[in-house]
C-alpha atoms as a PDB file:
ATOM      1  CA  MET A   1     -20.799  33.279  46.428  1.00  0.00           C
ATOM      2  CA  HIS A   2     -23.824  31.481  48.039  1.00  0.00           C
ATOM      3  CA  LEU A   3     -26.832  30.836  45.481  1.00  0.00           C
ATOM      4  CA  LYS A   4     -29.194  33.124  47.100  1.00  0.00           C
ATOM      5  CA  GLN A   5     -26.613  35.709  47.563  1.00  0.00           C
ATOM      6  CA  TRP A   6     -26.374  35.786  43.737  1.00  0.00           C
ATOM      7  CA  LEU A   7     -30.155  35.464  43.573  1.00  0.00           C
ATOM      8  CA  LEU A   8     -30.507  38.835  45.139  1.00  0.00           C
ATOM      9  CA  ALA A   9     -27.502  40.372  42.859  1.00  0.00           C
ATOM     10  CA  GLY A  10     -29.735  39.050  39.971  1.00  0.00           C
ATOM     11  CA  ALA A  11     -32.545  41.115  40.808  1.00  0.00           C
ATOM     12  CA  VAL A  12     -31.128  44.110  41.660  1.00  0.00           C
ATOM     13  CA  LEU A  13     -28.769  44.007  37.778  1.00  0.00           C
ATOM     14  CA  LEU A  14     -32.845  42.850  36.472  1.00  0.00           C
ATOM     15  CA  THR A  15     -34.222  46.128  37.563  1.00  0.00           C
ATOM     16  CA  ALA A  16     -31.544  47.550  36.383  1.00  0.00           C
ATOM     17  CA  SER A  17     -31.173  47.058  32.777  1.00  0.00           C
ATOM     18  CA  GLY A  18     -34.896  48.338  32.260  1.00  0.00           C
ATOM     19  CA  CYS A  19     -33.524  50.711  29.931  1.00  0.00           C
ATOM     20  CA  GLY A  20     -30.429  48.667  28.952  1.00  0.00           C
ATOM     21  CA  SER A  21     -29.784  46.830  25.602  1.00  0.00           C
ATOM     22  CA  ASN A  22     -30.046  43.278  24.987  1.00  0.00           C
ATOM     23  CA  GLU A  23     -27.121  42.925  24.559  1.00  0.00           C
ATOM     24  CA  ILE A  24     -26.570  43.840  28.761  1.00  0.00           C
ATOM     25  CA  LEU A  25     -29.389  41.037  29.271  1.00  0.00           C
ATOM     26  CA  VAL A  26     -28.022  38.023  27.131  1.00  0.00           C
ATOM     27  CA  LYS A  27     -24.834  38.948  29.105  1.00  0.00           C
ATOM     28  CA  LYS A  28     -26.369  38.385  32.452  1.00  0.00           C
ATOM     29  CA  GLN A  29     -28.462  35.755  31.410  1.00  0.00           C
ATOM     30  CA  THR A  30     -25.196  33.683  30.558  1.00  0.00           C
ATOM     31  CA  GLU A  31     -23.423  34.440  33.561  1.00  0.00           C
ATOM     32  CA  MET A  32     -27.014  33.108  35.346  1.00  0.00           C
ATOM     33  CA  GLU A  33     -26.626  30.130  33.438  1.00  0.00           C
ATOM     34  CA  ALA A  34     -23.027  29.567  34.349  1.00  0.00           C
ATOM     35  CA  ARG A  35     -23.141  30.206  38.478  1.00  0.00           C
ATOM     36  CA  MET A  36     -26.226  27.675  37.864  1.00  0.00           C
ATOM     37  CA  GLU A  37     -24.206  24.880  36.164  1.00  0.00           C
ATOM     38  CA  GLN A  38     -21.403  25.759  38.484  1.00  0.00           C
ATOM     39  CA  LEU A  39     -23.107  24.729  41.518  1.00  0.00           C
ATOM     40  CA  ILE A  40     -25.071  21.672  39.798  1.00  0.00           C
ATOM     41  CA  GLN A  41     -21.813  20.248  39.048  1.00  0.00           C
ATOM     42  CA  ALA A  42     -20.144  21.081  42.546  1.00  0.00           C
ATOM     43  CA  ASN A  43     -23.118  19.756  44.659  1.00  0.00           C
ATOM     44  CA  ALA A  44     -24.171  16.358  43.375  1.00  0.00           C
ATOM     45  CA  GLY A  45     -26.143  15.692  46.758  1.00  0.00           C
ATOM     46  CA  THR A  46     -28.792  18.969  45.791  1.00  0.00           C
ATOM     47  CA  THR A  47     -28.401  18.189  41.799  1.00  0.00           C
ATOM     48  CA  ALA A  48     -31.966  17.437  41.402  1.00  0.00           C
ATOM     49  CA  GLN A  49     -33.832  20.780  43.621  1.00  0.00           C
ATOM     50  CA  LEU A  50     -30.514  22.866  41.947  1.00  0.00           C
ATOM     51  CA  ALA A  51     -32.012  21.250  38.786  1.00  0.00           C
ATOM     52  CA  GLY A  52     -35.671  22.447  39.420  1.00  0.00           C
ATOM     53  CA  GLN A  53     -34.013  26.010  40.371  1.00  0.00           C
ATOM     54  CA  ALA A  54     -31.940  26.058  36.641  1.00  0.00           C
ATOM     55  CA  LEU A  55     -35.731  25.597  35.105  1.00  0.00           C
ATOM     56  CA  ALA A  56     -37.015  28.701  37.156  1.00  0.00           C
ATOM     57  CA  ILE A  57     -34.296  30.512  36.097  1.00  0.00           C
ATOM     58  CA  ARG A  58     -35.076  29.624  32.759  1.00  0.00           C
ATOM     59  CA  GLU A  59     -38.752  30.530  32.634  1.00  0.00           C
ATOM     60  CA  LEU A  60     -37.994  33.364  33.723  1.00  0.00           C
ATOM     61  CA  GLN A  61     -35.488  34.459  31.227  1.00  0.00           C
ATOM     62  CA  ALA A  62     -37.934  33.533  28.544  1.00  0.00           C
ATOM     63  CA  GLN A  63     -39.802  36.660  29.723  1.00  0.00           C
ATOM     64  CA  VAL A  64     -37.340  38.869  29.496  1.00  0.00           C
ATOM     65  CA  LYS A  65     -38.251  40.813  25.782  1.00  0.00           C
ATOM     66  CA  SER A  66     -36.353  44.430  24.158  1.00  0.00           C
ATOM     67  CA  SER A  67     -39.109  46.248  25.487  1.00  0.00           C
ATOM     68  CA  GLY A  68     -42.557  46.115  27.549  1.00  0.00           C
ATOM     69  CA  THR A  69     -40.577  43.549  29.657  1.00  0.00           C
ATOM     70  CA  ASP A  70     -42.250  43.424  33.262  1.00  0.00           C
ATOM     71  CA  LEU A  71     -39.864  43.573  35.931  1.00  0.00           C
ATOM     72  CA  ASP A  72     -41.825  43.707  38.847  1.00  0.00           C
ATOM     73  CA  ALA A  73     -43.284  39.880  37.694  1.00  0.00           C
ATOM     74  CA  LEU A  74     -39.473  39.209  37.472  1.00  0.00           C
ATOM     75  CA  LYS A  75     -38.776  40.607  40.575  1.00  0.00           C
ATOM     76  CA  ALA A  76     -41.510  39.110  42.492  1.00  0.00           C
ATOM     77  CA  GLY A  77     -40.421  35.757  40.746  1.00  0.00           C
ATOM     78  CA  PHE A  78     -36.476  36.160  42.334  1.00  0.00           C
ATOM     79  CA  ARG A  79     -37.817  36.662  45.289  1.00  0.00           C
ATOM     80  CA  ASP A  80     -40.073  33.658  45.313  1.00  0.00           C
ATOM     81  CA  MET A  81     -36.678  31.707  44.274  1.00  0.00           C
ATOM     82  CA  LYS A  82     -35.012  33.039  47.369  1.00  0.00           C
ATOM     83  CA  SER A  83     -37.668  31.578  49.743  1.00  0.00           C
ATOM     84  CA  SER A  84     -37.258  28.686  47.696  1.00  0.00           C
ATOM     85  CA  GLN A  85     -33.382  28.831  48.586  1.00  0.00           C
ATOM     86  CA  GLU A  86     -33.340  29.326  52.194  1.00  0.00           C
ATOM     87  CA  GLU A  87     -34.916  25.823  52.525  1.00  0.00           C
ATOM     88  CA  LEU A  88     -31.808  23.851  50.392  1.00  0.00           C
ATOM     89  CA  PRO A  89     -29.328  22.441  52.971  1.00  0.00           C
ATOM     90  CA  ARG A  90     -26.198  24.995  53.293  1.00  0.00           C
ATOM     91  CA  ARG A  91     -23.311  23.963  51.190  1.00  0.00           C
ATOM     92  CA  ASP A  92     -21.077  22.817  53.850  1.00  0.00           C
ATOM     93  CA  ASP A  93     -23.588  20.576  54.948  1.00  0.00           C
ATOM     94  CA  VAL A  94     -24.382  18.907  51.804  1.00  0.00           C
ATOM     95  CA  LYS A  95     -20.552  18.317  51.547  1.00  0.00           C
ATOM     96  CA  SER A  96     -20.839  16.505  54.897  1.00  0.00           C
ATOM     97  CA  SER A  97     -23.670  14.373  53.927  1.00  0.00           C
ATOM     98  CA  LEU A  98     -22.643  12.808  50.072  1.00  0.00           C
ATOM     99  CA  PRO A  99     -21.268   9.584  50.051  1.00  0.00           C
ATOM    100  CA  GLN A 100     -17.479   9.029  49.300  1.00  0.00           C
ATOM    101  CA  SER A 101     -18.827   7.582  45.977  1.00  0.00           C
ATOM    102  CA  SER A 102     -20.291  11.012  44.723  1.00  0.00           C
ATOM    103  CA  ARG A 103     -19.519  12.714  41.906  1.00  0.00           C
ATOM    104  CA  ILE A 104     -19.592  15.416  39.800  1.00  0.00           C
ATOM    105  CA  VAL A 105     -23.370  15.029  37.692  1.00  0.00           C
ATOM    106  CA  VAL A 106     -22.897  16.936  34.260  1.00  0.00           C
ATOM    107  CA  VAL A 107     -25.973  19.009  32.937  1.00  0.00           C
ATOM    108  CA  ASN A 108     -25.189  19.355  29.333  1.00  0.00           C
ATOM    109  CA  LYS A 109     -22.874  15.792  28.529  1.00  0.00           C
ATOM    110  CA  GLY A 110     -21.098  17.118  25.302  1.00  0.00           C
ATOM    111  CA  GLY A 111     -19.198  14.019  24.512  1.00  0.00           C
ATOM    112  CA  ALA A 112     -19.770  10.503  25.296  1.00  0.00           C
ATOM    113  CA  PRO A 113     -20.795   9.344  28.523  1.00  0.00           C
ATOM    114  CA  GLY A 114     -18.448   7.750  31.183  1.00  0.00           C
ATOM    115  CA  GLU A 115     -16.811   7.764  34.804  1.00  0.00           C
ATOM    116  CA  SER A 116     -14.396  11.245  35.056  1.00  0.00           C
ATOM    117  CA  GLY A 117     -12.029  11.136  37.937  1.00  0.00           C
ATOM    118  CA  PRO A 118     -11.597  13.877  40.123  1.00  0.00           C
ATOM    119  CA  ALA A 119      -8.360  15.698  38.948  1.00  0.00           C
ATOM    120  CA  GLU A 120     -10.454  15.717  35.990  1.00  0.00           C
ATOM    121  CA  GLN A 121     -13.460  17.237  37.214  1.00  0.00           C
ATOM    122  CA  ASP A 122     -11.653  19.425  39.653  1.00  0.00           C
ATOM    123  CA  GLU A 123      -9.305  20.769  36.387  1.00  0.00           C
ATOM    124  CA  TYR A 124     -13.127  22.076  34.882  1.00  0.00           C
ATOM    125  CA  LEU A 125     -14.371  23.292  37.506  1.00  0.00           C
ATOM    126  CA  GLN A 126     -11.074  25.551  37.738  1.00  0.00           C
ATOM    127  CA  ALA A 127     -11.633  26.572  33.896  1.00  0.00           C
ATOM    128  CA  PHE A 128     -15.343  27.383  34.994  1.00  0.00           C
ATOM    129  CA  GLY A 129     -14.218  29.245  38.253  1.00  0.00           C
ATOM    130  CA  LEU A 130     -12.107  31.617  36.021  1.00  0.00           C
ATOM    131  CA  PHE A 131     -14.883  32.201  33.476  1.00  0.00           C
ATOM    132  CA  SER A 132     -17.500  32.718  36.420  1.00  0.00           C
ATOM    133  CA  SER A 133     -15.178  35.157  37.886  1.00  0.00           C
ATOM    134  CA  ASN A 134     -14.751  37.335  34.728  1.00  0.00           C
ATOM    135  CA  ASN A 135     -11.441  35.881  33.651  1.00  0.00           C
ATOM    136  CA  TYR A 136     -12.182  35.526  30.294  1.00  0.00           C
ATOM    137  CA  GLY A 137      -8.714  35.060  29.006  1.00  0.00           C
ATOM    138  CA  GLY A 138      -7.698  32.826  31.640  1.00  0.00           C
ATOM    139  CA  ALA A 139     -10.697  30.680  30.973  1.00  0.00           C
ATOM    140  CA  VAL A 140     -10.171  30.382  27.634  1.00  0.00           C
ATOM    141  CA  GLU A 141      -6.417  29.320  27.860  1.00  0.00           C
ATOM    142  CA  ALA A 142      -8.207  26.753  30.591  1.00  0.00           C
ATOM    143  CA  PHE A 143     -11.091  25.479  28.398  1.00  0.00           C
ATOM    144  CA  GLU A 144      -8.562  24.824  26.015  1.00  0.00           C
ATOM    145  CA  SER A 145      -5.982  23.157  28.103  1.00  0.00           C
ATOM    146  CA  PHE A 146      -8.934  20.472  29.412  1.00  0.00           C
ATOM    147  CA  ILE A 147      -9.992  20.060  25.766  1.00  0.00           C
ATOM    148  CA  ARG A 148      -6.990  18.907  24.288  1.00  0.00           C
ATOM    149  CA  SER A 149      -5.884  16.718  27.493  1.00  0.00           C
ATOM    150  CA  HIS A 150      -9.205  14.900  27.945  1.00  0.00           C
ATOM    151  CA  ARG A 151     -10.901  14.690  24.109  1.00  0.00           C
ATOM    152  CA  GLY A 152     -13.045  12.464  24.866  1.00  0.00           C
ATOM    153  CA  SER A 153     -14.597  14.071  28.124  1.00  0.00           C
ATOM    154  CA  GLU A 154     -17.753  14.448  29.040  1.00  0.00           C
ATOM    155  CA  TYR A 155     -17.010  17.853  29.895  1.00  0.00           C
ATOM    156  CA  ALA A 156     -15.851  18.453  26.615  1.00  0.00           C
ATOM    157  CA  GLY A 157     -18.339  20.011  24.560  1.00  0.00           C
ATOM    158  CA  ASN A 158     -19.370  22.473  27.869  1.00  0.00           C
ATOM    159  CA  ALA A 159     -15.695  23.062  27.698  1.00  0.00           C
ATOM    160  CA  GLN A 160     -15.885  24.317  23.734  1.00  0.00           C
ATOM    161  CA  TYR A 161     -19.160  26.158  24.372  1.00  0.00           C
ATOM    162  CA  TRP A 162     -17.890  28.234  26.987  1.00  0.00           C
ATOM    163  CA  ILE A 163     -14.354  28.870  25.431  1.00  0.00           C
ATOM    164  CA  GLY A 164     -17.412  30.597  22.815  1.00  0.00           C
ATOM    165  CA  GLU A 165     -19.076  32.737  25.628  1.00  0.00           C
ATOM    166  CA  CYS A 166     -15.913  33.782  26.783  1.00  0.00           C
ATOM    167  CA  TYR A 167     -15.340  35.370  23.456  1.00  0.00           C
ATOM    168  CA  TYR A 168     -18.372  36.444  23.282  1.00  0.00           C
ATOM    169  CA  SER A 169     -18.654  38.609  26.541  1.00  0.00           C
ATOM    170  CA  GLN A 170     -15.677  40.558  25.090  1.00  0.00           C
ATOM    171  CA  ARG A 171     -17.446  41.155  21.930  1.00  0.00           C
ATOM    172  CA  ASP A 172     -14.917  39.189  19.951  1.00  0.00           C
ATOM    173  CA  TYR A 173     -17.602  37.924  17.788  1.00  0.00           C
ATOM    174  CA  VAL A 174     -15.665  36.475  14.698  1.00  0.00           C
ATOM    175  CA  ARG A 175     -13.988  34.172  17.417  1.00  0.00           C
ATOM    176  CA  ALA A 176     -17.206  33.237  19.126  1.00  0.00           C
ATOM    177  CA  LEU A 177     -19.100  32.141  16.546  1.00  0.00           C
ATOM    178  CA  GLU A 178     -16.014  30.064  15.820  1.00  0.00           C
ATOM    179  CA  SER A 179     -16.131  29.254  18.598  1.00  0.00           C
ATOM    180  CA  PHE A 180     -19.930  28.136  19.459  1.00  0.00           C
ATOM    181  CA  SER A 181     -19.684  26.461  15.432  1.00  0.00           C
ATOM    182  CA  LYS A 182     -17.455  23.749  16.900  1.00  0.00           C
ATOM    183  CA  VAL A 183     -19.741  22.943  19.536  1.00  0.00           C
ATOM    184  CA  ILE A 184     -22.300  22.043  16.768  1.00  0.00           C
ATOM    185  CA  GLU A 185     -19.580  20.666  14.618  1.00  0.00           C
ATOM    186  CA  ASN A 186     -17.519  18.472  17.268  1.00  0.00           C
ATOM    187  CA  TYR A 187     -20.284  17.585  19.532  1.00  0.00           C
ATOM    188  CA  PRO A 188     -23.674  17.238  17.605  1.00  0.00           C
ATOM    189  CA  LYS A 189     -25.312  14.950  20.542  1.00  0.00           C
ATOM    190  CA  GLY A 190     -24.178  17.430  22.866  1.00  0.00           C
ATOM    191  CA  SER A 191     -27.173  18.976  24.614  1.00  0.00           C
ATOM    192  CA  LYS A 192     -25.012  22.333  24.369  1.00  0.00           C
ATOM    193  CA  VAL A 193     -25.818  22.187  20.640  1.00  0.00           C
ATOM    194  CA  PRO A 194     -28.705  24.151  20.919  1.00  0.00           C
ATOM    195  CA  ASP A 195     -27.171  26.872  22.967  1.00  0.00           C
ATOM    196  CA  ALA A 196     -24.352  27.086  20.842  1.00  0.00           C
ATOM    197  CA  LEU A 197     -27.095  27.477  17.604  1.00  0.00           C
ATOM    198  CA  LEU A 198     -28.522  30.199  19.555  1.00  0.00           C
ATOM    199  CA  LYS A 199     -24.622  32.353  20.338  1.00  0.00           C
ATOM    200  CA  VAL A 200     -23.922  31.634  16.609  1.00  0.00           C
ATOM    201  CA  GLY A 201     -27.143  33.260  15.293  1.00  0.00           C
ATOM    202  CA  TYR A 202     -26.690  36.182  17.771  1.00  0.00           C
ATOM    203  CA  SER A 203     -22.938  36.801  16.675  1.00  0.00           C
ATOM    204  CA  GLN A 204     -23.708  36.851  12.869  1.00  0.00           C
ATOM    205  CA  PHE A 205     -26.512  39.449  13.830  1.00  0.00           C
ATOM    206  CA  SER A 206     -23.474  41.340  15.463  1.00  0.00           C
ATOM    207  CA  LEU A 207     -21.387  40.604  12.757  1.00  0.00           C
ATOM    208  CA  ASN A 208     -23.786  42.028  10.226  1.00  0.00           C
ATOM    209  CA  GLN A 209     -24.915  38.704   8.451  1.00  0.00           C
ATOM    210  CA  ALA A 210     -28.603  39.423   9.454  1.00  0.00           C
ATOM    211  CA  ASP A 211     -29.975  36.568   6.741  1.00  0.00           C
ATOM    212  CA  LYS A 212     -27.144  33.749   7.793  1.00  0.00           C
ATOM    213  CA  ALA A 213     -28.083  34.829  11.517  1.00  0.00           C
ATOM    214  CA  ARG A 214     -32.137  34.326  10.528  1.00  0.00           C
ATOM    215  CA  THR A 215     -31.257  31.148   9.124  1.00  0.00           C
ATOM    216  CA  THR A 216     -29.302  30.136  11.845  1.00  0.00           C
ATOM    217  CA  LEU A 217     -32.289  30.598  14.553  1.00  0.00           C
ATOM    218  CA  GLU A 218     -35.261  29.113  12.234  1.00  0.00           C
ATOM    219  CA  THR A 219     -32.782  25.688  12.190  1.00  0.00           C
ATOM    220  CA  LEU A 220     -32.911  25.997  15.666  1.00  0.00           C
ATOM    221  CA  VAL A 221     -36.515  26.207  16.395  1.00  0.00           C
ATOM    222  CA  GLU A 222     -37.412  23.398  13.326  1.00  0.00           C
ATOM    223  CA  LYS A 223     -34.492  21.052  15.073  1.00  0.00           C
ATOM    224  CA  TYR A 224     -35.029  21.897  18.811  1.00  0.00           C
ATOM    225  CA  PRO A 225     -38.718  24.092  19.431  1.00  0.00           C
ATOM    226  CA  ARG A 226     -39.423  22.840  22.808  1.00  0.00           C
ATOM    227  CA  SER A 227     -35.621  23.954  24.155  1.00  0.00           C
ATOM    228  CA  PRO A 228     -35.214  27.463  26.163  1.00  0.00           C
ATOM    229  CA  ALA A 229     -32.818  28.242  22.782  1.00  0.00           C
ATOM    230  CA  ALA A 230     -35.828  28.111  20.978  1.00  0.00           C
ATOM    231  CA  ALA A 231     -38.118  30.377  23.175  1.00  0.00           C
ATOM    232  CA  LYS A 232     -35.358  32.994  22.930  1.00  0.00           C
ATOM    233  CA  ALA A 233     -34.752  32.345  18.781  1.00  0.00           C
ATOM    234  CA  ARG A 234     -38.461  32.605  18.314  1.00  0.00           C
ATOM    235  CA  GLU A 235     -38.535  35.980  20.474  1.00  0.00           C
ATOM    236  CA  ARG A 236     -35.523  37.181  18.634  1.00  0.00           C
ATOM    237  CA  LEU A 237     -37.146  36.875  14.752  1.00  0.00           C
ATOM    238  CA  SER A 238     -40.272  38.071  16.020  1.00  0.00           C
ATOM    239  CA  ARG A 239     -38.018  41.142  15.828  1.00  0.00           C
END
């Protein structure tokens, strides 16, 4: 699906979620983040432009509140983003213009930096594609297989994070908590750590572990105060 198509779908979903629960909003945010990461990694030639769009999406997400959400402002933001997307080159044109030496750029490196071969990149993207299509069981198996085969890969931390998202999307909060915790323990220098801390807190809330959840979110805000995850943590703590 082209980027502007899922952005339109995202706008419709946000409008429909005005009366929905915070859990539904979190799920939609996760889907948007997943789509953006997949597109950034698949289109190395447009990484800078798409990264800017990812930041804009995160800024819109930070506006989403449990009550009193200004949906008109959100819809206006999506319309502006849709217009800007029309100026980006089509995916086929991007592919044809890429030099043969181009490689996928990882937005959130989970392991030590290094060169990854095309086969490794393809394996990761195939697993990611299963998650994006809501095939959570297949995605978990694919991501786990990837980690076993490429323990030192720069994609490993991301793969572990998305395993957690698979379980979280299925409301299996026990396994989600375990998986997100592994991101923090096994990939402490990875850029997915703030997001993993946020989802650890969310999972703890869902498991009625309110005290632990507050401690987790406070730790996130303290260690990564400028991260988008910290903004979401502050919003949750305020409630």
